[in-house]
Amino acid sequence: PYANICETCDNYVTAPEFRDTLTDQLADVQALRTDAECRGWTDEAARHDRVAHALTDHLQRLDR
């Protein structure tokens, strides 16, 4: 459901109609980060953390 999105790209732009999708994706990425941390996969956890921060930033921009 998140095909072709580059959430961490500086050129990525979203719109209010995608808020629910971004919120769902953030929840998924946070769960994946937690799973990676539990498995000791530090690089994978860090990657998910970067995406989670980017999604959070995008959602905050939509609230402005």
N, C-alpha and C. Protein backbone atom coordinates (compact mmCIF):
# COMPACT_ATOMS: atom_id res chain seq x y z
N PRO A 1 0.79 -1.22 0.00
CA PRO A 1 0.00 0.00 0.00
C PRO A 1 0.83 1.28 0.00
N TYR A 2 2.14 1.17 0.18
CA TYR A 2 2.99 2.36 0.24
C TYR A 2 3.96 2.40 -0.93
N ALA A 3 3.56 1.85 -2.04
CA ALA A 3 4.45 1.72 -3.19
C ALA A 3 4.91 3.08 -3.70
N ASN A 4 6.19 3.10 -4.09
CA ASN A 4 6.78 4.26 -4.76
C ASN A 4 6.83 5.53 -3.92
N ILE A 5 6.85 5.38 -2.62
CA ILE A 5 6.97 6.56 -1.75
C ILE A 5 8.40 6.63 -1.25
N CYS A 6 8.99 7.79 -1.33
CA CYS A 6 10.33 8.01 -0.78
C CYS A 6 10.18 9.00 0.37
N GLU A 7 9.75 8.48 1.51
CA GLU A 7 9.40 9.33 2.65
C GLU A 7 10.56 10.16 3.16
N THR A 8 11.76 9.68 3.00
CA THR A 8 12.91 10.39 3.54
C THR A 8 13.56 11.33 2.53
N CYS A 9 13.04 11.39 1.33
CA CYS A 9 13.57 12.26 0.28
C CYS A 9 13.20 13.72 0.58
N ASP A 10 14.13 14.63 0.42
CA ASP A 10 13.87 16.05 0.65
C ASP A 10 12.80 16.61 -0.29
N ASN A 11 12.59 15.96 -1.42
CA ASN A 11 11.62 16.44 -2.40
C ASN A 11 10.23 15.84 -2.22
N TYR A 12 10.07 14.97 -1.24
CA TYR A 12 8.78 14.33 -1.00
C TYR A 12 7.77 15.36 -0.52
N VAL A 13 6.60 15.35 -1.13
CA VAL A 13 5.51 16.26 -0.76
C VAL A 13 4.25 15.42 -0.60
N THR A 14 3.49 15.71 0.44
CA THR A 14 2.23 15.01 0.66
C THR A 14 1.10 16.02 0.72
N ALA A 15 -0.10 15.53 0.98
CA ALA A 15 -1.28 16.39 1.04
C ALA A 15 -2.21 15.87 2.13
N PRO A 16 -3.11 16.72 2.62
CA PRO A 16 -3.99 16.31 3.72
C PRO A 16 -4.80 15.04 3.45
N GLU A 17 -5.15 14.79 2.21
CA GLU A 17 -5.95 13.59 1.92
C GLU A 17 -5.17 12.29 2.15
N PHE A 18 -3.86 12.38 2.36
CA PHE A 18 -3.04 11.19 2.61
C PHE A 18 -2.68 11.02 4.08
N ARG A 19 -3.26 11.86 4.95
CA ARG A 19 -2.95 11.81 6.38
C ARG A 19 -3.20 10.41 6.96
N ASP A 20 -4.34 9.80 6.66
CA ASP A 20 -4.65 8.48 7.21
C ASP A 20 -3.65 7.43 6.76
N THR A 21 -3.26 7.48 5.50
CA THR A 21 -2.27 6.53 4.98
C THR A 21 -0.93 6.72 5.66
N LEU A 22 -0.52 7.97 5.82
CA LEU A 22 0.76 8.24 6.50
C LEU A 22 0.71 7.81 7.96
N THR A 23 -0.41 8.02 8.62
CA THR A 23 -0.57 7.61 10.01
C THR A 23 -0.49 6.09 10.13
N ASP A 24 -1.16 5.38 9.22
CA ASP A 24 -1.08 3.91 9.21
C ASP A 24 0.34 3.44 8.94
N GLN A 25 0.99 4.08 7.99
CA GLN A 25 2.36 3.70 7.66
C GLN A 25 3.28 3.95 8.84
N LEU A 26 3.09 5.05 9.56
CA LEU A 26 3.91 5.33 10.73
C LEU A 26 3.74 4.23 11.78
N ALA A 27 2.52 3.80 12.02
CA ALA A 27 2.29 2.72 12.99
C ALA A 27 3.00 1.44 12.55
N ASP A 28 2.93 1.12 11.26
CA ASP A 28 3.61 -0.07 10.74
C ASP A 28 5.12 0.03 10.92
N VAL A 29 5.68 1.18 10.58
CA VAL A 29 7.13 1.37 10.68
C VAL A 29 7.59 1.32 12.13
N GLN A 30 6.79 1.86 13.03
CA GLN A 30 7.15 1.81 14.45
C GLN A 30 7.14 0.37 14.96
N ALA A 31 6.17 -0.43 14.51
CA ALA A 31 6.13 -1.84 14.89
C ALA A 31 7.33 -2.59 14.32
N LEU A 32 7.69 -2.29 13.08
CA LEU A 32 8.86 -2.93 12.47
C LEU A 32 10.14 -2.54 13.20
N ARG A 33 10.23 -1.28 13.62
CA ARG A 33 11.40 -0.82 14.37
C ARG A 33 11.51 -1.58 15.69
N THR A 34 10.41 -1.71 16.39
CA THR A 34 10.40 -2.42 17.66
C THR A 34 10.81 -3.88 17.47
N ASP A 35 10.29 -4.51 16.43
CA ASP A 35 10.64 -5.90 16.14
C ASP A 35 12.13 -6.02 15.84
N ALA A 36 12.65 -5.11 15.04
CA ALA A 36 14.07 -5.15 14.70
C ALA A 36 14.93 -4.95 15.95
N GLU A 37 14.52 -4.05 16.82
CA GLU A 37 15.27 -3.84 18.07
C GLU A 37 15.28 -5.11 18.92
N CYS A 38 14.13 -5.77 19.02
CA CYS A 38 14.03 -7.00 19.81
C CYS A 38 14.92 -8.11 19.25
N ARG A 39 15.13 -8.10 17.95
CA ARG A 39 15.95 -9.13 17.30
C ARG A 39 17.43 -8.75 17.27
N GLY A 40 17.73 -7.54 17.74
CA GLY A 40 19.12 -7.10 17.73
C GLY A 40 19.60 -6.62 16.37
N TRP A 41 18.68 -6.30 15.50
CA TRP A 41 19.02 -5.83 14.15
C TRP A 41 19.15 -4.30 14.19
N THR A 42 20.27 -3.83 14.65
CA THR A 42 20.44 -2.39 14.88
C THR A 42 20.36 -1.55 13.60
N ASP A 43 20.95 -2.03 12.52
CA ASP A 43 20.89 -1.27 11.26
C ASP A 43 19.46 -1.17 10.75
N GLU A 44 18.73 -2.28 10.83
CA GLU A 44 17.34 -2.29 10.39
C GLU A 44 16.49 -1.38 11.28
N ALA A 45 16.71 -1.43 12.57
CA ALA A 45 15.97 -0.56 13.50
C ALA A 45 16.26 0.91 13.19
N ALA A 46 17.51 1.23 12.89
CA ALA A 46 17.88 2.61 12.57
C ALA A 46 17.21 3.07 11.28
N ARG A 47 17.12 2.19 10.31
CA ARG A 47 16.45 2.54 9.04
C ARG A 47 14.98 2.85 9.30
N HIS A 48 14.32 1.99 10.07
CA HIS A 48 12.91 2.22 10.40
C HIS A 48 12.75 3.50 11.21
N ASP A 49 13.71 3.78 12.07
CA ASP A 49 13.65 5.00 12.87
C ASP A 49 13.72 6.24 11.98
N ARG A 50 14.59 6.22 10.97
CA ARG A 50 14.69 7.35 10.04
C ARG A 50 13.36 7.57 9.30
N VAL A 51 12.75 6.48 8.86
CA VAL A 51 11.47 6.59 8.15
C VAL A 51 10.39 7.11 9.10
N ALA A 52 10.38 6.61 10.34
CA ALA A 52 9.38 7.07 11.32
C ALA A 52 9.52 8.56 11.58
N HIS A 53 10.74 9.04 11.71
CA HIS A 53 10.96 10.48 11.92
C HIS A 53 10.48 11.28 10.71
N ALA A 54 10.76 10.78 9.52
CA ALA A 54 10.32 11.49 8.32
C ALA A 54 8.79 11.54 8.25
N LEU A 55 8.15 10.42 8.53
CA LEU A 55 6.68 10.40 8.51
C LEU A 55 6.10 11.34 9.55
N THR A 56 6.70 11.36 10.73
CA THR A 56 6.25 12.27 11.78
C THR A 56 6.38 13.72 11.33
N ASP A 57 7.49 14.04 10.70
CA ASP A 57 7.70 15.40 10.18
C ASP A 57 6.64 15.75 9.13
N HIS A 58 6.36 14.82 8.22
CA HIS A 58 5.35 15.07 7.19
C HIS A 58 3.98 15.32 7.82
N LEU A 59 3.63 14.51 8.81
CA LEU A 59 2.34 14.68 9.49
C LEU A 59 2.28 16.01 10.24
N GLN A 60 3.37 16.41 10.85
CA GLN A 60 3.39 17.70 11.56
C GLN A 60 3.24 18.86 10.58
N ARG A 61 3.84 18.75 9.41
CA ARG A 61 3.69 19.81 8.40
C ARG A 61 2.24 19.92 7.94
N LEU A 62 1.54 18.79 7.88
CA LEU A 62 0.14 18.83 7.48
C LEU A 62 -0.72 19.54 8.52
N ASP A 63 -0.27 19.55 9.77
CA ASP A 63 -1.03 20.18 10.85
C ASP A 63 -0.84 21.69 10.91
N ARG A 64 0.10 22.21 10.16
CA ARG A 64 0.36 23.67 10.20
C ARG A 64 -0.67 24.44 9.42
